[in-house]
Amino acid sequence: MPDMTSTLTILQPYPGIFAYYDGRIAGTRLHSEGPNWLDDGAYALGVASYAIVDGGEALVYDTHISVPHAEAIRTHLESLDVTSIRVVLSHWHKDHVAGNAAFADCEIIALALTAERLAENREKIETATPPIHPLVMPTRTFEGRLVLKVGQRTVELHHFAIHSADGNVLWLPEEKLLLAGDTVEDCATFISEAEHVATHIDELKRMRLLPIAHILPSHGDRDRIAAGGYDGTLIDANRSYLERLQTAAADRAQISALKDFAAVEIAAGSILYFAPYEDVHDSNVARMRAAAKAG
């Protein structure tokens, strides 16, 4: 296996906004050849954590897929003369909290629901493959909305129940920039809570009301993130995908491969087709069919 951070790249899509991107490298695995959440999930699909930097202060959005990745983020920030670091978690899933231990001496902010989910699943997370042990917990929680200052920059934290009930996004109103976590993905959202897809669709509609100019997701195309990210049509593409899948599953209709199922959005350039997402799509189809049957 290669060094854990050998393929990590640091991108700067905007002044003072850094993306720590890893994955989407065919034939490369970081943890093991056997099945594991790191290689088969986040790394295969590509994953980014972010930092907002201003005036010697930094806000880290998610701590990446391992402690070495988080340590690399911290080293980079310290090289920029950052002396104050706070962490914000987008939600409770493993590929977003795995590096928390590298920031154990920092304030770690999360939705109260995220803290609850982490506590409920702590044993599973700490004994996963690879393990996240110890799982360092949030030190500050909030509900709904929280406004922070990072140097002179205003950063708003907003709860959107998309992908996971505890979805937490960062909104920079002055830049009209959304750091979206897993609430949207390129090229298809991963359905982790099929029974709540109707809520996710409604919440995507609510998110679209923000005057968004640019979106930086946790899972997307490296080059597009480096060039400034996506626009609001990424939200539309994710919502349309969920709506079509919900209808098809309820009607027990045949569902085509992702390349065809999302052909309109791919052709429009709202999303970029990436073949490994066919496995995500297959999982989504199975989950939605099961939910429709149970309902």
C-alpha atoms as a PDB file:
ATOM      1  CA  MET A   1       0.000   0.000   0.000  1.00  0.00           C
ATOM      2  CA  PRO A   2       1.264   3.528  -0.748  1.00  0.00           C
ATOM      3  CA  ASP A   3       1.828   6.179   1.887  1.00  0.00           C
ATOM      4  CA  MET A   4      -1.596   7.239   3.149  1.00  0.00           C
ATOM      5  CA  THR A   5      -1.298  10.787   1.824  1.00  0.00           C
ATOM      6  CA  SER A   6       0.789  10.104  -1.288  1.00  0.00           C
ATOM      7  CA  THR A   7      -2.051  11.041  -3.640  1.00  0.00           C
ATOM      8  CA  LEU A   8      -3.483  13.946  -1.611  1.00  0.00           C
ATOM      9  CA  THR A   9      -3.522  17.236  -3.517  1.00  0.00           C
ATOM     10  CA  ILE A  10      -4.149  20.739  -2.206  1.00  0.00           C
ATOM     11  CA  LEU A  11      -6.319  22.912  -4.433  1.00  0.00           C
ATOM     12  CA  GLN A  12      -7.208  26.577  -4.032  1.00  0.00           C
ATOM     13  CA  PRO A  13     -10.439  27.256  -5.912  1.00  0.00           C
ATOM     14  CA  TYR A  14     -10.763  30.741  -4.339  1.00  0.00           C
ATOM     15  CA  PRO A  15      -8.490  33.022  -2.312  1.00  0.00           C
ATOM     16  CA  GLY A  16      -8.291  31.624   1.188  1.00  0.00           C
ATOM     17  CA  ILE A  17     -10.424  28.578   0.309  1.00  0.00           C
ATOM     18  CA  PHE A  18      -8.475  25.330   0.175  1.00  0.00           C
ATOM     19  CA  ALA A  19      -9.653  21.905  -0.946  1.00  0.00           C
ATOM     20  CA  TYR A  20      -7.770  18.819   0.229  1.00  0.00           C
ATOM     21  CA  TYR A  21      -8.633  16.315  -2.470  1.00  0.00           C
ATOM     22  CA  ASP A  22      -7.810  12.630  -2.695  1.00  0.00           C
ATOM     23  CA  GLY A  23      -9.003   9.615  -4.659  1.00  0.00           C
ATOM     24  CA  ARG A  24     -10.464   8.787  -8.062  1.00  0.00           C
ATOM     25  CA  ILE A  25      -7.181   7.143  -9.010  1.00  0.00           C
ATOM     26  CA  ALA A  26      -7.766   3.879 -10.859  1.00  0.00           C
ATOM     27  CA  GLY A  27      -5.854   0.894  -9.498  1.00  0.00           C
ATOM     28  CA  THR A  28      -4.762   2.649  -6.298  1.00  0.00           C
ATOM     29  CA  ARG A  29      -5.878   1.680  -2.804  1.00  0.00           C
ATOM     30  CA  LEU A  30      -4.698   3.212   0.454  1.00  0.00           C
ATOM     31  CA  HIS A  31      -5.760   0.826   3.209  1.00  0.00           C
ATOM     32  CA  SER A  32      -5.919  -2.748   1.901  1.00  0.00           C
ATOM     33  CA  GLU A  33      -6.851  -4.983  -0.992  1.00  0.00           C
ATOM     34  CA  GLY A  34      -9.762  -6.360   0.998  1.00  0.00           C
ATOM     35  CA  PRO A  35     -13.140  -4.652   1.265  1.00  0.00           C
ATOM     36  CA  ASN A  36     -13.085  -1.526   3.435  1.00  0.00           C
ATOM     37  CA  TRP A  37     -15.038   1.723   3.727  1.00  0.00           C
ATOM     38  CA  LEU A  38     -12.068   3.966   2.918  1.00  0.00           C
ATOM     39  CA  ASP A  39     -10.969   2.465  -0.396  1.00  0.00           C
ATOM     40  CA  ASP A  40     -14.327   1.236  -1.649  1.00  0.00           C
ATOM     41  CA  GLY A  41     -16.252   4.367  -0.740  1.00  0.00           C
ATOM     42  CA  ALA A  42     -14.684   7.780  -0.339  1.00  0.00           C
ATOM     43  CA  TYR A  43     -11.370   7.117  -2.089  1.00  0.00           C
ATOM     44  CA  ALA A  44     -12.907   5.377  -5.094  1.00  0.00           C
ATOM     45  CA  LEU A  45     -15.372   8.236  -5.604  1.00  0.00           C
ATOM     46  CA  GLY A  46     -12.990  11.080  -4.737  1.00  0.00           C
ATOM     47  CA  VAL A  47     -13.246  13.088  -1.528  1.00  0.00           C
ATOM     48  CA  ALA A  48     -12.407  16.607  -0.423  1.00  0.00           C
ATOM     49  CA  SER A  49     -12.242  18.346   2.903  1.00  0.00           C
ATOM     50  CA  TYR A  50     -11.979  22.122   2.976  1.00  0.00           C
ATOM     51  CA  ALA A  51     -10.465  24.979   4.940  1.00  0.00           C
ATOM     52  CA  ILE A  52     -11.453  28.640   5.033  1.00  0.00           C
ATOM     53  CA  VAL A  53      -8.507  30.832   6.005  1.00  0.00           C
ATOM     54  CA  ASP A  54      -8.346  34.515   6.914  1.00  0.00           C
ATOM     55  CA  GLY A  55      -6.242  36.601   9.256  1.00  0.00           C
ATOM     56  CA  GLY A  56      -4.397  33.746  10.927  1.00  0.00           C
ATOM     57  CA  GLU A  57      -7.635  31.860  11.558  1.00  0.00           C
ATOM     58  CA  ALA A  58      -8.887  28.705   9.838  1.00  0.00           C
ATOM     59  CA  LEU A  59     -12.158  26.832   9.762  1.00  0.00           C
ATOM     60  CA  VAL A  60     -11.702  23.203   8.689  1.00  0.00           C
ATOM     61  CA  TYR A  61     -14.775  21.591   7.130  1.00  0.00           C
ATOM     62  CA  ASP A  62     -14.511  17.850   7.818  1.00  0.00           C
ATOM     63  CA  THR A  63     -11.357  16.047   8.886  1.00  0.00           C
ATOM     64  CA  HIS A  64     -10.986  13.729   5.881  1.00  0.00           C
ATOM     65  CA  ILE A  65     -10.565   9.966   5.602  1.00  0.00           C
ATOM     66  CA  SER A  66      -7.681   9.322   8.015  1.00  0.00           C
ATOM     67  CA  VAL A  67      -5.620  10.913  10.747  1.00  0.00           C
ATOM     68  CA  PRO A  68      -2.616  11.279   8.359  1.00  0.00           C
ATOM     69  CA  HIS A  69      -4.846  13.228   5.970  1.00  0.00           C
ATOM     70  CA  ALA A  70      -5.970  15.469   8.815  1.00  0.00           C
ATOM     71  CA  GLU A  71      -2.389  15.950   9.957  1.00  0.00           C
ATOM     72  CA  ALA A  72      -1.463  16.995   6.406  1.00  0.00           C
ATOM     73  CA  ILE A  73      -4.271  19.563   6.465  1.00  0.00           C
ATOM     74  CA  ARG A  74      -3.031  20.925   9.775  1.00  0.00           C
ATOM     75  CA  THR A  75       0.565  21.073   8.566  1.00  0.00           C
ATOM     76  CA  HIS A  76      -0.509  23.026   5.500  1.00  0.00           C
ATOM     77  CA  LEU A  77      -2.522  25.495   7.568  1.00  0.00           C
ATOM     78  CA  GLU A  78       0.368  26.033   9.960  1.00  0.00           C
ATOM     79  CA  SER A  79       2.615  26.732   6.948  1.00  0.00           C
ATOM     80  CA  LEU A  80       0.228  29.599   6.161  1.00  0.00           C
ATOM     81  CA  ASP A  81       0.845  31.035   9.656  1.00  0.00           C
ATOM     82  CA  VAL A  82      -2.563  29.955  10.907  1.00  0.00           C
ATOM     83  CA  THR A  83      -2.581  30.053  14.705  1.00  0.00           C
ATOM     84  CA  SER A  84      -6.257  29.395  15.434  1.00  0.00           C
ATOM     85  CA  ILE A  85      -8.153  26.395  14.039  1.00  0.00           C
ATOM     86  CA  ARG A  86     -11.763  25.376  14.469  1.00  0.00           C
ATOM     87  CA  VAL A  87     -13.402  22.330  12.885  1.00  0.00           C
ATOM     88  CA  VAL A  88     -16.941  21.971  11.542  1.00  0.00           C
ATOM     89  CA  LEU A  89     -18.400  18.550  10.733  1.00  0.00           C
ATOM     90  CA  SER A  90     -20.774  18.181   7.782  1.00  0.00           C
ATOM     91  CA  HIS A  91     -22.420  15.033   9.199  1.00  0.00           C
ATOM     92  CA  TRP A  92     -21.601  11.865  11.095  1.00  0.00           C
ATOM     93  CA  HIS A  93     -20.387   9.493   8.353  1.00  0.00           C
ATOM     94  CA  LYS A  94     -16.943   7.943   8.691  1.00  0.00           C
ATOM     95  CA  ASP A  95     -15.215   9.604   5.726  1.00  0.00           C
ATOM     96  CA  HIS A  96     -15.930  13.016   7.253  1.00  0.00           C
ATOM     97  CA  VAL A  97     -14.821  12.425  10.847  1.00  0.00           C
ATOM     98  CA  ALA A  98     -11.930   9.972  10.493  1.00  0.00           C
ATOM     99  CA  GLY A  99      -9.264  12.616  11.129  1.00  0.00           C
ATOM    100  CA  ASN A 100     -10.861  14.242  14.176  1.00  0.00           C
ATOM    101  CA  ALA A 101      -8.045  13.053  16.455  1.00  0.00           C
ATOM    102  CA  ALA A 102      -5.594  15.356  14.659  1.00  0.00           C
ATOM    103  CA  PHE A 103      -7.705  18.289  15.870  1.00  0.00           C
ATOM    104  CA  ALA A 104      -8.438  17.008  19.368  1.00  0.00           C
ATOM    105  CA  ASP A 105      -7.093  20.238  20.883  1.00  0.00           C
ATOM    106  CA  CYS A 106      -9.384  22.389  18.714  1.00  0.00           C
ATOM    107  CA  GLU A 107     -13.037  23.313  18.971  1.00  0.00           C
ATOM    108  CA  ILE A 108     -15.056  20.800  16.927  1.00  0.00           C
ATOM    109  CA  ILE A 109     -18.479  22.135  15.967  1.00  0.00           C
ATOM    110  CA  ALA A 110     -21.377  19.982  14.806  1.00  0.00           C
ATOM    111  CA  LEU A 111     -25.126  19.809  14.786  1.00  0.00           C
ATOM    112  CA  ALA A 112     -26.553  18.338  17.980  1.00  0.00           C
ATOM    113  CA  LEU A 113     -27.984  15.570  15.804  1.00  0.00           C
ATOM    114  CA  THR A 114     -24.492  14.780  14.485  1.00  0.00           C
ATOM    115  CA  ALA A 115     -23.179  14.424  18.022  1.00  0.00           C
ATOM    116  CA  GLU A 116     -26.101  12.113  18.817  1.00  0.00           C
ATOM    117  CA  ARG A 117     -25.475   9.944  15.754  1.00  0.00           C
ATOM    118  CA  LEU A 118     -21.763   9.719  16.521  1.00  0.00           C
ATOM    119  CA  ALA A 119     -22.495   8.664  20.092  1.00  0.00           C
ATOM    120  CA  GLU A 120     -25.047   6.082  18.963  1.00  0.00           C
ATOM    121  CA  ASN A 121     -22.650   4.596  16.397  1.00  0.00           C
ATOM    122  CA  ARG A 122     -19.390   5.085  18.260  1.00  0.00           C
ATOM    123  CA  GLU A 123     -18.618   1.389  18.757  1.00  0.00           C
ATOM    124  CA  LYS A 124     -19.253   0.588  15.079  1.00  0.00           C
ATOM    125  CA  ILE A 125     -17.128   3.513  13.944  1.00  0.00           C
ATOM    126  CA  GLU A 126     -14.235   2.676  16.269  1.00  0.00           C
ATOM    127  CA  THR A 127     -14.227  -0.988  15.160  1.00  0.00           C
ATOM    128  CA  ALA A 128     -14.821  -0.402  11.447  1.00  0.00           C
ATOM    129  CA  THR A 129     -12.372  -1.409   8.708  1.00  0.00           C
ATOM    130  CA  PRO A 130     -10.247   0.664   8.984  1.00  0.00           C
ATOM    131  CA  PRO A 131     -11.060   1.661  12.568  1.00  0.00           C
ATOM    132  CA  ILE A 132     -11.491   5.270  13.648  1.00  0.00           C
ATOM    133  CA  HIS A 133     -10.146   4.904  17.157  1.00  0.00           C
ATOM    134  CA  PRO A 134     -10.433   6.903  19.216  1.00  0.00           C
ATOM    135  CA  LEU A 135     -13.382   8.760  17.715  1.00  0.00           C
ATOM    136  CA  VAL A 136     -12.962  12.335  18.911  1.00  0.00           C
ATOM    137  CA  MET A 137     -16.359  13.874  19.547  1.00  0.00           C
ATOM    138  CA  PRO A 138     -17.681  17.382  18.886  1.00  0.00           C
ATOM    139  CA  THR A 139     -17.040  19.910  21.641  1.00  0.00           C
ATOM    140  CA  ARG A 140     -19.733  22.409  20.599  1.00  0.00           C
ATOM    141  CA  THR A 141     -23.167  21.729  19.141  1.00  0.00           C
ATOM    142  CA  PHE A 142     -25.941  23.821  17.642  1.00  0.00           C
ATOM    143  CA  GLU A 143     -29.322  23.420  16.010  1.00  0.00           C
ATOM    144  CA  GLY A 144     -30.633  24.994  12.836  1.00  0.00           C
ATOM    145  CA  ARG A 145     -28.205  27.832  12.097  1.00  0.00           C
ATOM    146  CA  LEU A 146     -24.977  29.235  13.482  1.00  0.00           C
ATOM    147  CA  VAL A 147     -22.977  32.250  12.291  1.00  0.00           C
ATOM    148  CA  LEU A 148     -19.197  32.332  12.686  1.00  0.00           C
ATOM    149  CA  LYS A 149     -16.437  34.777  11.794  1.00  0.00           C
ATOM    150  CA  VAL A 150     -13.176  33.503  10.312  1.00  0.00           C
ATOM    151  CA  GLY A 151     -10.967  36.563  10.345  1.00  0.00           C
ATOM    152  CA  GLN A 152     -13.096  39.068   8.432  1.00  0.00           C
ATOM    153  CA  ARG A 153     -15.122  36.388   6.622  1.00  0.00           C
ATOM    154  CA  THR A 154     -18.674  35.527   7.588  1.00  0.00           C
ATOM    155  CA  VAL A 155     -19.548  31.836   7.522  1.00  0.00           C
ATOM    156  CA  GLU A 156     -23.057  30.560   8.159  1.00  0.00           C
ATOM    157  CA  LEU A 157     -23.756  26.962   9.178  1.00  0.00           C
ATOM    158  CA  HIS A 158     -27.142  25.671   8.017  1.00  0.00           C
ATOM    159  CA  HIS A 159     -28.926  22.390   8.714  1.00  0.00           C
ATOM    160  CA  PHE A 160     -30.278  20.662   5.604  1.00  0.00           C
ATOM    161  CA  ALA A 161     -31.656  17.126   6.022  1.00  0.00           C
ATOM    162  CA  ILE A 162     -30.228  15.815   2.754  1.00  0.00           C
ATOM    163  CA  HIS A 163     -28.341  12.507   2.312  1.00  0.00           C
ATOM    164  CA  SER A 164     -28.302  12.224   6.094  1.00  0.00           C
ATOM    165  CA  ALA A 165     -30.729  13.733   8.575  1.00  0.00           C
ATOM    166  CA  ASP A 166     -27.856  15.733  10.087  1.00  0.00           C
ATOM    167  CA  GLY A 167     -26.578  17.431   6.932  1.00  0.00           C
ATOM    168  CA  ASN A 168     -24.707  20.663   7.775  1.00  0.00           C
ATOM    169  CA  VAL A 169     -23.500  23.028   5.038  1.00  0.00           C
ATOM    170  CA  LEU A 170     -21.298  26.125   5.110  1.00  0.00           C
ATOM    171  CA  TRP A 171     -22.688  29.205   3.361  1.00  0.00           C
ATOM    172  CA  LEU A 172     -20.448  32.188   2.634  1.00  0.00           C
ATOM    173  CA  PRO A 173     -23.018  34.887   1.828  1.00  0.00           C
ATOM    174  CA  GLU A 174     -20.558  37.513   0.621  1.00  0.00           C
ATOM    175  CA  GLU A 175     -19.017  35.113  -1.899  1.00  0.00           C
ATOM    176  CA  LYS A 176     -22.330  33.303  -2.600  1.00  0.00           C
ATOM    177  CA  LEU A 177     -20.357  30.098  -2.083  1.00  0.00           C
ATOM    178  CA  LEU A 178     -21.781  26.870  -0.655  1.00  0.00           C
ATOM    179  CA  LEU A 179     -19.580  24.176   0.860  1.00  0.00           C
ATOM    180  CA  ALA A 180     -22.074  21.373   0.557  1.00  0.00           C
ATOM    181  CA  GLY A 181     -20.671  18.291   2.289  1.00  0.00           C
ATOM    182  CA  ASP A 182     -22.608  15.275   1.020  1.00  0.00           C
ATOM    183  CA  THR A 183     -25.889  17.128   0.436  1.00  0.00           C
ATOM    184  CA  VAL A 184     -25.042  17.084  -3.275  1.00  0.00           C
ATOM    185  CA  GLU A 185     -22.586  14.947  -5.240  1.00  0.00           C
ATOM    186  CA  ASP A 186     -21.222  14.658  -8.747  1.00  0.00           C
ATOM    187  CA  CYS A 187     -22.473  12.548 -10.387  1.00  0.00           C
ATOM    188  CA  ALA A 188     -25.182  10.998  -8.173  1.00  0.00           C
ATOM    189  CA  THR A 189     -26.119  11.376  -4.547  1.00  0.00           C
ATOM    190  CA  PHE A 190     -25.559   8.324  -2.350  1.00  0.00           C
ATOM    191  CA  ILE A 191     -28.861   7.353  -0.746  1.00  0.00           C
ATOM    192  CA  SER A 192     -28.149   6.416   2.852  1.00  0.00           C
ATOM    193  CA  GLU A 193     -31.685   6.992   4.189  1.00  0.00           C
ATOM    194  CA  ALA A 194     -34.078   5.762   1.487  1.00  0.00           C
ATOM    195  CA  GLU A 195     -37.089   6.115   3.761  1.00  0.00           C
ATOM    196  CA  HIS A 196     -36.476   9.879   3.913  1.00  0.00           C
ATOM    197  CA  VAL A 197     -35.910  10.632   0.216  1.00  0.00           C
ATOM    198  CA  ALA A 198     -39.096  12.716   0.033  1.00  0.00           C
ATOM    199  CA  THR A 199     -37.629  14.945   2.749  1.00  0.00           C
ATOM    200  CA  HIS A 200     -34.317  15.121   0.900  1.00  0.00           C
ATOM    201  CA  ILE A 201     -36.121  16.293  -2.241  1.00  0.00           C
ATOM    202  CA  ASP A 202     -37.973  19.015  -0.334  1.00  0.00           C
ATOM    203  CA  GLU A 203     -34.768  20.119   1.343  1.00  0.00           C
ATOM    204  CA  LEU A 204     -32.968  20.347  -2.011  1.00  0.00           C
ATOM    205  CA  LYS A 205     -35.757  22.662  -3.159  1.00  0.00           C
ATOM    206  CA  ARG A 206     -35.201  24.781  -0.042  1.00  0.00           C
ATOM    207  CA  MET A 207     -31.445  24.855  -0.621  1.00  0.00           C
ATOM    208  CA  ARG A 208     -32.031  26.093  -4.160  1.00  0.00           C
ATOM    209  CA  LEU A 209     -33.569  29.270  -2.718  1.00  0.00           C
ATOM    210  CA  LEU A 210     -30.132  30.436  -1.585  1.00  0.00           C
ATOM    211  CA  PRO A 211     -28.535  32.857  -4.103  1.00  0.00           C
ATOM    212  CA  ILE A 212     -25.814  30.332  -4.906  1.00  0.00           C
ATOM    213  CA  ALA A 213     -23.110  31.170  -7.429  1.00  0.00           C
ATOM    214  CA  HIS A 214     -20.683  28.345  -6.649  1.00  0.00           C
ATOM    215  CA  ILE A 215     -20.813  24.951  -4.930  1.00  0.00           C
ATOM    216  CA  LEU A 216     -17.899  22.937  -3.570  1.00  0.00           C
ATOM    217  CA  PRO A 217     -19.067  19.382  -2.714  1.00  0.00           C
ATOM    218  CA  SER A 218     -17.229  16.742  -0.728  1.00  0.00           C
ATOM    219  CA  HIS A 219     -17.484  14.258  -3.614  1.00  0.00           C
ATOM    220  CA  GLY A 220     -16.900  15.595  -7.100  1.00  0.00           C
ATOM    221  CA  ASP A 221     -14.497  16.037  -9.974  1.00  0.00           C
ATOM    222  CA  ARG A 222     -11.006  17.215  -8.982  1.00  0.00           C
ATOM    223  CA  ASP A 223     -10.541  19.543 -11.953  1.00  0.00           C
ATOM    224  CA  ARG A 224     -13.953  21.144 -11.584  1.00  0.00           C
ATOM    225  CA  ILE A 225     -13.379  21.768  -7.885  1.00  0.00           C
ATOM    226  CA  ALA A 226      -9.975  23.265  -8.646  1.00  0.00           C
ATOM    227  CA  ALA A 227     -11.587  25.574 -11.215  1.00  0.00           C
ATOM    228  CA  GLY A 228     -14.157  26.909  -8.762  1.00  0.00           C
ATOM    229  CA  GLY A 229     -16.693  24.129  -8.418  1.00  0.00           C
ATOM    230  CA  TYR A 230     -20.256  23.812  -9.630  1.00  0.00           C
ATOM    231  CA  ASP A 231     -23.274  26.082  -9.901  1.00  0.00           C
ATOM    232  CA  GLY A 232     -26.857  25.647  -8.726  1.00  0.00           C
ATOM    233  CA  THR A 233     -27.640  23.164 -11.463  1.00  0.00           C
ATOM    234  CA  LEU A 234     -25.811  20.527  -9.397  1.00  0.00           C
ATOM    235  CA  ILE A 235     -28.649  20.806  -6.884  1.00  0.00           C
ATOM    236  CA  ASP A 236     -31.187  20.482  -9.697  1.00  0.00           C
ATOM    237  CA  ALA A 237     -29.418  17.403 -11.064  1.00  0.00           C
ATOM    238  CA  ASN A 238     -29.380  15.683  -7.657  1.00  0.00           C
ATOM    239  CA  ARG A 239     -33.041  16.517  -7.058  1.00  0.00           C
ATOM    240  CA  SER A 240     -34.120  15.311 -10.506  1.00  0.00           C
ATOM    241  CA  TYR A 241     -32.214  12.065  -9.967  1.00  0.00           C
ATOM    242  CA  LEU A 242     -33.993  11.423  -6.667  1.00  0.00           C
ATOM    243  CA  GLU A 243     -37.403  12.323  -8.087  1.00  0.00           C
ATOM    244  CA  ARG A 244     -37.017   9.983 -11.061  1.00  0.00           C
ATOM    245  CA  LEU A 245     -35.690   7.178  -8.907  1.00  0.00           C
ATOM    246  CA  GLN A 246     -38.480   7.597  -6.365  1.00  0.00           C
ATOM    247  CA  THR A 247     -41.130   7.430  -9.100  1.00  0.00           C
ATOM    248  CA  ALA A 248     -39.544   4.483 -10.890  1.00  0.00           C
ATOM    249  CA  ALA A 249     -39.140   2.496  -7.664  1.00  0.00           C
ATOM    250  CA  ALA A 250     -42.744   3.160  -6.645  1.00  0.00           C
ATOM    251  CA  ASP A 251     -43.990   2.106 -10.098  1.00  0.00           C
ATOM    252  CA  ARG A 252     -41.685  -0.941 -10.100  1.00  0.00           C
ATOM    253  CA  ALA A 253     -40.434   0.264 -13.470  1.00  0.00           C
ATOM    254  CA  GLN A 254     -37.219  -0.883 -15.089  1.00  0.00           C
ATOM    255  CA  ILE A 255     -34.346   1.417 -14.136  1.00  0.00           C
ATOM    256  CA  SER A 256     -31.480   1.904 -16.575  1.00  0.00           C
ATOM    257  CA  ALA A 257     -27.781   2.287 -15.824  1.00  0.00           C
ATOM    258  CA  LEU A 258     -26.716   5.653 -14.414  1.00  0.00           C
ATOM    259  CA  LYS A 259     -25.168   6.792 -17.694  1.00  0.00           C
ATOM    260  CA  ASP A 260     -28.603   6.588 -19.298  1.00  0.00           C
ATOM    261  CA  PHE A 261     -30.688   7.393 -16.236  1.00  0.00           C
ATOM    262  CA  ALA A 262     -28.950  10.772 -15.791  1.00  0.00           C
ATOM    263  CA  ALA A 263     -28.229  11.360 -19.490  1.00  0.00           C
ATOM    264  CA  VAL A 264     -29.998  14.745 -19.633  1.00  0.00           C
ATOM    265  CA  GLU A 265     -27.968  16.250 -16.792  1.00  0.00           C
ATOM    266  CA  ILE A 266     -24.746  14.708 -18.086  1.00  0.00           C
ATOM    267  CA  ALA A 267     -25.358  16.159 -21.549  1.00  0.00           C
ATOM    268  CA  ALA A 268     -26.065  19.575 -20.023  1.00  0.00           C
ATOM    269  CA  GLY A 269     -22.812  19.510 -18.058  1.00  0.00           C
ATOM    270  CA  SER A 270     -24.524  19.858 -14.675  1.00  0.00           C
ATOM    271  CA  ILE A 271     -22.780  16.639 -13.670  1.00  0.00           C
ATOM    272  CA  LEU A 272     -19.850  14.724 -15.126  1.00  0.00           C
ATOM    273  CA  TYR A 273     -20.256  10.996 -15.671  1.00  0.00           C
ATOM    274  CA  PHE A 274     -17.864   8.912 -13.583  1.00  0.00           C
ATOM    275  CA  ALA A 275     -18.192   5.152 -14.084  1.00  0.00           C
ATOM    276  CA  PRO A 276     -17.585   4.068 -10.449  1.00  0.00           C
ATOM    277  CA  TYR A 277     -20.854   5.803  -9.571  1.00  0.00           C
ATOM    278  CA  GLU A 278     -22.669   2.975 -11.350  1.00  0.00           C
ATOM    279  CA  ASP A 279     -22.146   0.959  -8.159  1.00  0.00           C
ATOM    280  CA  VAL A 280     -23.631   3.821  -6.137  1.00  0.00           C
ATOM    281  CA  HIS A 281     -26.584   3.917  -8.508  1.00  0.00           C
ATOM    282  CA  ASP A 282     -27.116   0.149  -8.181  1.00  0.00           C
ATOM    283  CA  SER A 283     -27.100   0.516  -4.389  1.00  0.00           C
ATOM    284  CA  ASN A 284     -29.550   3.419  -4.622  1.00  0.00           C
ATOM    285  CA  VAL A 285     -31.902   1.412  -6.820  1.00  0.00           C
ATOM    286  CA  ALA A 286     -31.876  -1.521  -4.391  1.00  0.00           C
ATOM    287  CA  ARG A 287     -32.471   0.728  -1.392  1.00  0.00           C
ATOM    288  CA  MET A 288     -35.307   2.620  -3.085  1.00  0.00           C
ATOM    289  CA  ARG A 289     -37.003  -0.595  -4.242  1.00  0.00           C
ATOM    290  CA  ALA A 290     -36.794  -1.964  -0.687  1.00  0.00           C
ATOM    291  CA  ALA A 291     -38.215   1.265   0.743  1.00  0.00           C
ATOM    292  CA  ALA A 292     -41.039   1.304  -1.799  1.00  0.00           C
ATOM    293  CA  LYS A 293     -41.875  -2.327  -0.965  1.00  0.00           C
ATOM    294  CA  ALA A 294     -41.802  -1.636   2.762  1.00  0.00           C
ATOM    295  CA  GLY A 295     -44.002   1.417   2.295  1.00  0.00           C
END
